[in-house]
Amino acid sequence: MNGAVKTETNLLDGPDEVLRSKSLLESIFRFPAAVDAVGLPQRKFHVISQGDQPRWIVPENNRSALTVFKSWRPYGTKSRLQWHGVIAASSMNLLPLLPEVKTVEMNCNLPYWKTQLNGLSAEWEILGHVGNPSPTQKAIFFFLDKDSVRAVAKIPLSVQAKAAILNEAAILRRVKAQYIVPEVLFTDEEHGVVAQSWMQGRHISRRFREEHLDFLLGLGCNGCTIRLSDFRNALATQLSCFDRPKTEMQGIEQALSLLENDEELMAFIEHRDFAPWNIRLLADGKITLIDWEWAVENSLPWQDICRYFYIQDYLFNESKNVWDILTSNALLQTYARKCRLSKETLRGLTSYYLLRTFFEDWTEGQHKRCAYTLRQIQFLLGS
């Protein structure tokens, strides 16, 4: 699809077809109403792309984006150096001089945002970010007022993203009394748009620290229990549809057998994307989390810990035996002791995480990640 996408229906029903820079950006800036560009205020933006995908849509006043840019921390050395260049150029309002940065003009659906965000002024700038292509791909608007971020709005680019964004809003409302998390400023249930407050904090290193342990232990649901065996049959049914080599299926069957554990375990709120890039260090030394879109209440323990270590090992090509790392880490041993998890129970919980991840990645066509997960299952089974 080469032309501009003008309706919410097209945007949600066919995200893969609209991922062409101009049409995607027009869709986002006119979202959610199926409105014509005529009469909408026009603004100039500078687009930073990654490959053929628009990634950042920066207002003409580049400096206004610095608060958000400085909070962004790529973990790869090359990416970090490139990002420092973006920050330096933006601080001098010279972003358009960087190679591959294109200038566009967009008609913004400001009337929609004015009805939703209290105090929205024409002086506010809008910084846009487009997430990586995925079944839950979304765009984010940062509403900027001088040196502060007044609101962070999430816009779905797929039907699944709409459900995820609304799920996050519901979770945040339920946990805000216990944790320092973003405040939900408004929810548009019809279109799946949610605005939150900005979490002022800084990134920390990838190392698992006591702050991580304390936060995860705090997600325990006191008085609520759950059994690993209750998750086995549904997962086995999902995995049975795979036409995989016999040796792989034998490993999967063996891993499934580790889920036959009837112990009463403490139930937890599972963030499901507990990773360094979603963690913020607050001024008091505590941490908090952003991006609760996949969060699940009344879930199994240990799952967020698995996510933290396995996703980093995969993305940073470390190719380690993660199970050995999990069982030798002193802080994780403390977690297991406080949650009364034996090593055999940890094996079962880790097996569930890996099998669930394998199924989700296979469903999404992430075959390289599936191969990685199968290797990690073999490490687990061979322990």
Protein backbone atom coordinates (compact mmCIF):
# COMPACT_ATOMS: atom_id res chain seq x y z
CA MET A 1 0.00 0.00 0.00
CA ASN A 2 1.72 3.18 -1.20
CA GLY A 3 -0.85 5.84 -0.47
CA ALA A 4 -1.64 7.45 2.86
CA VAL A 5 -3.70 5.35 5.24
CA LYS A 6 -6.53 7.49 6.55
CA THR A 7 -8.58 5.24 8.76
CA GLU A 8 -8.19 3.49 12.06
CA THR A 9 -9.49 0.29 10.47
CA ASN A 10 -6.69 0.10 7.93
CA LEU A 11 -4.09 0.98 10.51
CA LEU A 12 -5.18 -1.76 12.88
CA ASP A 13 -6.06 -4.45 10.35
CA GLY A 14 -2.96 -4.25 8.20
CA PRO A 15 0.09 -2.89 10.05
CA ASP A 16 2.53 -4.74 7.80
CA GLU A 17 1.07 -3.06 4.73
CA VAL A 18 1.41 0.47 6.03
CA LEU A 19 5.01 0.28 7.16
CA ARG A 20 6.13 2.74 4.54
CA SER A 21 7.56 5.84 6.06
CA LYS A 22 5.17 8.50 4.77
CA SER A 23 1.93 6.54 5.02
CA LEU A 24 2.72 5.18 8.46
CA LEU A 25 3.55 8.62 9.84
CA GLU A 26 0.41 10.13 8.34
CA SER A 27 -1.63 7.36 9.93
CA ILE A 28 -0.11 7.93 13.34
CA PHE A 29 -0.46 11.70 13.35
CA ARG A 30 -4.08 11.58 12.23
CA PHE A 31 -4.93 8.72 14.55
CA PRO A 32 -7.45 7.81 15.84
CA ALA A 33 -10.12 9.64 13.83
CA ALA A 34 -10.69 8.87 10.15
CA VAL A 35 -10.28 12.50 9.28
CA ASP A 36 -9.10 14.29 6.18
CA ALA A 37 -5.90 16.30 6.38
CA VAL A 38 -7.73 19.48 5.37
CA GLY A 39 -8.10 21.78 8.35
CA LEU A 40 -5.67 19.95 10.61
CA PRO A 41 -2.70 21.99 11.85
CA GLN A 42 0.56 21.15 10.12
CA ARG A 43 3.91 20.76 11.81
CA LYS A 44 7.41 20.07 10.58
CA PHE A 45 9.30 17.03 11.88
CA HIS A 46 12.66 15.37 11.33
CA VAL A 47 12.54 11.59 10.91
CA ILE A 48 15.30 9.29 12.14
CA SER A 49 14.93 5.89 10.48
CA GLN A 50 16.29 2.45 11.22
CA GLY A 51 16.64 0.61 7.94
CA ASP A 52 13.48 1.41 6.00
CA GLN A 53 11.42 1.98 9.15
CA PRO A 54 10.80 5.38 10.74
CA ARG A 55 11.91 5.23 14.35
CA TRP A 56 11.95 8.76 15.83
CA ILE A 57 9.81 11.68 14.64
CA VAL A 58 11.47 14.75 16.12
CA PRO A 59 9.87 18.22 16.31
CA GLU A 60 11.42 21.09 14.38
CA ASN A 61 12.78 22.43 17.67
CA ASN A 62 15.21 19.54 18.19
CA ARG A 63 16.26 20.76 21.64
CA SER A 64 12.83 20.02 23.08
CA ALA A 65 13.50 16.30 22.60
CA LEU A 66 16.62 16.24 24.76
CA THR A 67 14.87 15.21 27.99
CA VAL A 68 13.63 12.04 26.32
CA PHE A 69 16.77 11.45 24.24
CA LYS A 70 19.02 11.61 27.30
CA SER A 71 16.85 9.04 29.06
CA TRP A 72 17.33 6.61 26.18
CA ARG A 73 20.33 4.34 26.55
CA PRO A 74 21.28 1.87 23.81
CA TYR A 75 23.31 -0.99 25.24
CA GLY A 76 25.41 -1.80 22.19
CA THR A 77 28.66 0.18 21.89
CA LYS A 78 28.11 1.19 18.27
CA SER A 79 24.49 2.17 18.88
CA ARG A 80 25.48 4.18 21.94
CA LEU A 81 28.06 6.16 19.97
CA GLN A 82 25.52 6.88 17.25
CA TRP A 83 22.99 7.97 19.86
CA HIS A 84 25.48 10.36 21.44
CA GLY A 85 25.76 11.95 17.98
CA VAL A 86 21.98 12.37 17.83
CA ILE A 87 21.96 14.02 21.26
CA ALA A 88 24.81 16.37 20.32
CA ALA A 89 23.11 17.39 17.07
CA SER A 90 19.77 17.93 18.81
CA SER A 91 21.34 20.09 21.50
CA MET A 92 22.51 22.46 18.75
CA ASN A 93 19.25 22.14 16.79
CA LEU A 94 21.24 20.64 13.90
CA LEU A 95 19.58 17.23 13.64
CA PRO A 96 18.65 17.67 9.92
CA LEU A 97 22.36 17.79 9.07
CA LEU A 98 22.84 14.17 10.09
CA PRO A 99 22.83 11.64 7.23
CA GLU A 100 19.60 9.71 6.70
CA VAL A 101 17.54 12.27 8.65
CA LYS A 102 14.61 13.44 6.53
CA THR A 103 12.33 16.42 7.07
CA VAL A 104 8.58 15.97 6.63
CA GLU A 105 5.43 17.96 7.34
CA MET A 106 2.55 16.28 9.12
CA ASN A 107 -1.06 17.24 9.69
CA CYS A 108 -1.61 16.56 13.39
CA ASN A 109 -4.96 15.58 14.85
CA LEU A 110 -4.53 18.02 17.73
CA PRO A 111 -8.29 18.37 18.35
CA TYR A 112 -8.35 14.76 19.54
CA TRP A 113 -5.46 15.25 21.96
CA LYS A 114 -6.88 18.53 23.29
CA THR A 115 -10.06 16.73 24.36
CA GLN A 116 -8.03 14.09 26.18
CA LEU A 117 -5.09 15.91 27.75
CA ASN A 118 -5.87 18.64 30.25
CA GLY A 119 -3.98 21.83 29.57
CA LEU A 120 -2.63 20.82 26.18
CA SER A 121 -1.18 23.98 24.69
CA ALA A 122 -0.24 24.84 21.13
CA GLU A 123 3.20 25.51 22.58
CA TRP A 124 3.69 21.87 23.46
CA GLU A 125 5.91 19.88 21.13
CA ILE A 126 5.23 16.29 20.08
CA LEU A 127 8.05 13.76 19.86
CA GLY A 128 7.08 10.47 18.25
CA HIS A 129 8.64 7.02 18.52
CA VAL A 130 7.64 3.99 16.43
CA GLY A 131 8.23 0.61 18.04
CA ASN A 132 9.85 -2.35 16.34
CA PRO A 133 7.59 -4.34 14.01
CA SER A 134 5.83 -7.02 16.06
CA PRO A 135 2.30 -8.32 16.69
CA THR A 136 1.97 -5.66 19.42
CA GLN A 137 3.67 -2.79 17.59
CA LYS A 138 2.78 0.67 18.86
CA ALA A 139 3.74 4.31 18.46
CA ILE A 140 4.43 6.64 21.38
CA PHE A 141 3.85 10.38 21.56
CA PHE A 142 5.87 12.33 24.12
CA PHE A 143 4.15 15.66 24.80
CA LEU A 144 6.90 18.15 25.64
CA ASP A 145 6.58 21.45 27.44
CA LYS A 146 9.92 23.25 27.65
CA ASP A 147 12.22 20.86 29.57
CA SER A 148 9.53 18.57 30.90
CA VAL A 149 7.51 15.65 29.54
CA ARG A 150 3.87 16.35 30.31
CA ALA A 151 2.45 13.05 29.06
CA VAL A 152 3.37 9.85 27.25
CA ALA A 153 0.63 8.52 24.97
CA LYS A 154 0.63 5.04 23.42
CA ILE A 155 -1.06 4.46 20.06
CA PRO A 156 -1.75 0.91 18.80
CA LEU A 157 -0.60 -0.11 15.33
CA SER A 158 -2.30 -3.51 15.52
CA VAL A 159 -5.31 -5.12 17.17
CA GLN A 160 -3.04 -7.00 19.59
CA ALA A 161 -1.30 -3.75 20.51
CA LYS A 162 -4.65 -2.21 21.38
CA ALA A 163 -5.38 -5.03 23.83
CA ALA A 164 -1.87 -4.81 25.30
CA ILE A 165 -2.05 -1.05 25.86
CA LEU A 166 -5.43 -1.31 27.60
CA ASN A 167 -4.14 -4.22 29.69
CA GLU A 168 -1.24 -2.05 30.86
CA ALA A 169 -3.60 0.73 31.94
CA ALA A 170 -5.67 -1.73 33.97
CA ILE A 171 -2.59 -3.21 35.65
CA LEU A 172 -1.13 0.22 36.47
CA ARG A 173 -4.35 1.30 38.15
CA ARG A 174 -4.34 -1.82 40.31
CA VAL A 175 -0.70 -1.68 41.43
CA LYS A 176 -0.25 2.09 41.88
CA ALA A 177 -1.02 1.88 45.60
CA GLN A 178 1.91 -0.53 46.12
CA TYR A 179 4.53 0.67 43.66
CA ILE A 180 5.84 3.84 42.10
CA VAL A 181 4.58 3.37 38.56
CA PRO A 182 3.35 5.71 35.80
CA GLU A 183 0.00 7.34 36.53
CA VAL A 184 -2.71 6.74 33.94
CA LEU A 185 -3.86 10.16 32.71
CA PHE A 186 -6.59 9.01 30.33
CA THR A 187 -7.85 5.87 28.63
CA ASP A 188 -9.64 5.81 25.28
CA GLU A 189 -11.14 2.31 25.34
CA GLU A 190 -12.64 2.60 21.86
CA HIS A 191 -9.36 3.29 20.10
CA GLY A 192 -6.95 1.66 22.56
CA VAL A 193 -5.08 4.90 23.30
CA VAL A 194 -3.69 5.49 26.80
CA ALA A 195 -1.69 8.41 28.18
CA GLN A 196 0.57 8.09 31.21
CA SER A 197 2.78 10.30 33.31
CA TRP A 198 6.51 10.33 32.55
CA MET A 199 8.76 8.32 34.88
CA GLN A 200 11.77 10.46 35.68
CA GLY A 201 14.65 8.08 36.28
CA ARG A 202 17.84 6.83 34.74
CA HIS A 203 18.97 3.59 33.21
CA ILE A 204 21.28 1.31 35.15
CA SER A 205 23.70 -1.38 34.10
CA ARG A 206 22.60 -4.79 32.91
CA ARG A 207 23.82 -6.50 36.09
CA PHE A 208 21.14 -7.97 38.36
CA ARG A 209 21.28 -6.09 41.67
CA GLU A 210 19.61 -6.08 45.07
CA GLU A 211 17.17 -3.41 43.85
CA HIS A 212 15.95 -5.87 41.20
CA LEU A 213 15.53 -8.59 43.80
CA ASP A 214 13.57 -6.35 46.18
CA PHE A 215 11.23 -5.19 43.42
CA LEU A 216 10.51 -8.71 42.17
CA LEU A 217 9.88 -10.03 45.67
CA GLY A 218 7.43 -7.16 46.13
CA LEU A 219 5.35 -8.47 43.23
CA GLY A 220 4.34 -11.51 45.27
CA CYS A 221 0.62 -11.85 45.95
CA ASN A 222 0.41 -12.50 49.69
CA GLY A 223 -2.08 -15.22 50.54
CA CYS A 224 -2.51 -16.33 46.91
CA THR A 225 -1.12 -19.64 45.70
CA ILE A 226 -0.69 -21.25 42.31
CA ARG A 227 0.43 -24.63 40.96
CA LEU A 228 2.81 -25.24 38.09
CA SER A 229 0.97 -28.42 37.06
CA ASP A 230 -2.15 -26.36 36.27
CA PHE A 231 -0.27 -24.83 33.32
CA ARG A 232 0.96 -28.07 31.79
CA ASN A 233 -2.01 -29.28 29.75
CA ALA A 234 -2.74 -26.01 27.97
CA LEU A 235 0.90 -25.60 27.02
CA ALA A 236 1.16 -29.24 25.91
CA THR A 237 -1.86 -28.74 23.64
CA GLN A 238 -0.29 -25.68 22.06
CA LEU A 239 3.03 -27.44 21.47
CA SER A 240 1.43 -30.60 20.06
CA CYS A 241 0.58 -28.83 16.80
CA PHE A 242 4.24 -28.42 15.83
CA ASP A 243 5.67 -30.56 13.06
CA ARG A 244 9.21 -30.71 14.43
CA PRO A 245 11.99 -33.31 14.13
CA LYS A 246 11.56 -36.29 16.44
CA THR A 247 14.65 -35.42 18.50
CA GLU A 248 13.30 -31.91 19.18
CA MET A 249 9.88 -33.23 20.16
CA GLN A 250 11.47 -35.68 22.57
CA GLY A 251 13.24 -32.77 24.27
CA ILE A 252 10.00 -30.79 24.42
CA GLU A 253 8.16 -33.78 25.93
CA GLN A 254 10.89 -34.20 28.52
CA ALA A 255 10.74 -30.50 29.37
CA LEU A 256 6.95 -30.73 29.70
CA SER A 257 7.35 -33.52 32.23
CA LEU A 258 9.11 -31.04 34.53
CA LEU A 259 5.81 -29.16 34.82
CA GLU A 260 4.16 -32.04 36.69
CA ASN A 261 4.62 -30.31 40.02
CA ASP A 262 1.61 -29.99 42.34
CA GLU A 263 3.25 -27.81 45.02
CA GLU A 264 1.32 -24.77 46.23
CA LEU A 265 3.55 -21.86 45.17
CA MET A 266 3.23 -18.16 45.95
CA ALA A 267 1.47 -16.37 43.09
CA PHE A 268 3.08 -13.30 41.54
CA ILE A 269 2.27 -10.37 39.31
CA GLU A 270 4.41 -11.11 36.23
CA HIS A 271 5.65 -8.10 34.27
CA ARG A 272 6.67 -10.38 31.36
CA ASP A 273 9.20 -7.94 29.93
CA PHE A 274 11.44 -7.50 32.94
CA ALA A 275 14.60 -6.34 31.17
CA PRO A 276 17.18 -3.55 31.67
CA TRP A 277 15.59 -1.24 29.08
CA ASN A 278 12.30 -1.23 31.00
CA ILE A 279 13.87 -0.46 34.38
CA ARG A 280 14.34 3.03 35.79
CA LEU A 281 16.46 3.96 38.79
CA LEU A 282 14.69 6.58 40.91
CA ALA A 283 16.28 9.36 42.94
CA ASP A 284 15.87 7.39 46.21
CA GLY A 285 17.86 4.45 44.84
CA LYS A 286 14.84 2.22 44.26
CA ILE A 287 13.80 0.98 40.85
CA THR A 288 10.53 0.97 38.97
CA LEU A 289 9.26 -0.53 35.75
CA ILE A 290 7.71 0.85 32.60
CA ASP A 291 5.90 -0.98 29.76
CA TRP A 292 3.48 -3.23 31.65
CA GLU A 293 1.58 -4.13 28.49
CA TRP A 294 2.17 -7.88 28.76
CA ALA A 295 1.73 -8.02 32.54
CA VAL A 296 -0.28 -10.87 34.07
CA GLU A 297 -1.78 -11.03 37.52
CA ASN A 298 -1.82 -14.27 39.53
CA SER A 299 1.06 -15.82 37.62
CA LEU A 300 3.93 -18.16 38.47
CA PRO A 301 7.06 -17.07 40.37
CA TRP A 302 10.52 -16.94 38.76
CA GLN A 303 9.24 -16.03 35.28
CA ASP A 304 10.49 -12.42 35.29
CA ILE A 305 13.90 -13.59 36.44
CA CYS A 306 14.06 -16.00 33.51
CA ARG A 307 13.10 -13.22 31.15
CA TYR A 308 15.81 -10.94 32.51
CA PHE A 309 18.64 -13.40 31.96
CA TYR A 310 17.52 -15.29 28.86
CA ILE A 311 16.56 -12.24 26.78
CA GLN A 312 19.90 -10.59 27.43
CA ASP A 313 21.85 -13.74 26.63
CA TYR A 314 19.99 -13.99 23.33
CA LEU A 315 20.07 -10.33 22.26
CA PHE A 316 23.72 -9.81 23.16
CA ASN A 317 24.83 -13.11 21.58
CA GLU A 318 26.42 -14.36 24.77
CA SER A 319 25.50 -18.03 24.13
CA LYS A 320 25.90 -19.07 27.76
CA ASN A 321 24.29 -21.88 29.70
CA VAL A 322 21.78 -19.59 31.37
CA TRP A 323 20.46 -22.30 33.69
CA ASP A 324 23.91 -22.52 35.30
CA ILE A 325 23.92 -18.74 35.73
CA LEU A 326 20.48 -18.76 37.34
CA THR A 327 21.39 -21.42 39.88
CA SER A 328 24.79 -19.97 40.81
CA ASN A 329 23.72 -16.33 41.35
CA ALA A 330 23.67 -15.50 45.08
CA LEU A 331 20.80 -13.00 44.76
CA LEU A 332 18.68 -15.53 42.90
CA GLN A 333 19.42 -18.10 45.57
CA THR A 334 17.99 -15.57 48.04
CA TYR A 335 14.87 -15.23 45.85
CA ALA A 336 14.43 -18.99 45.78
CA ARG A 337 14.88 -19.30 49.52
CA LYS A 338 12.39 -16.54 50.33
CA CYS A 339 9.85 -18.02 47.93
CA ARG A 340 10.51 -21.56 49.19
CA LEU A 341 11.45 -22.88 45.77
CA SER A 342 13.55 -26.03 45.63
CA LYS A 343 16.04 -26.51 42.80
CA GLU A 344 13.73 -29.08 41.20
CA THR A 345 10.85 -26.60 41.34
CA LEU A 346 13.10 -23.97 39.77
CA ARG A 347 13.84 -26.43 36.95
CA GLY A 348 10.12 -26.84 36.34
CA LEU A 349 9.46 -23.09 36.43
CA THR A 350 12.38 -22.45 34.06
CA SER A 351 11.11 -25.19 31.75
CA TYR A 352 7.69 -23.53 31.66
CA TYR A 353 9.26 -20.18 30.76
CA LEU A 354 11.32 -21.70 27.94
CA LEU A 355 8.47 -23.75 26.50
CA ARG A 356 6.07 -20.81 26.60
CA THR A 357 8.68 -18.60 24.94
CA PHE A 358 9.33 -21.25 22.30
CA PHE A 359 5.62 -21.44 21.46
CA GLU A 360 5.20 -17.66 21.27
CA ASP A 361 8.31 -17.20 19.10
CA TRP A 362 7.31 -20.03 16.77
CA THR A 363 3.84 -18.54 16.38
CA GLU A 364 5.42 -15.21 15.42
CA GLY A 365 7.85 -16.81 12.97
CA GLN A 366 10.92 -16.06 15.10
CA HIS A 367 12.75 -19.23 14.07
CA LYS A 368 16.21 -18.05 15.11
CA ARG A 369 14.94 -17.39 18.62
CA CYS A 370 13.23 -20.79 18.63
CA ALA A 371 16.54 -22.47 17.85
CA TYR A 372 18.17 -20.55 20.68
CA THR A 373 15.43 -21.60 23.13
CA LEU A 374 15.76 -25.26 22.14
CA ARG A 375 19.48 -25.10 22.94
CA GLN A 376 18.69 -23.63 26.34
CA ILE A 377 16.13 -26.38 26.97
CA GLN A 378 18.88 -28.93 26.30
CA PHE A 379 21.12 -27.16 28.82
CA LEU A 380 18.29 -27.35 31.35
CA LEU A 381 17.58 -31.02 30.69
CA GLY A 382 21.25 -31.91 30.87
CA SER A 383 21.80 -30.28 34.24
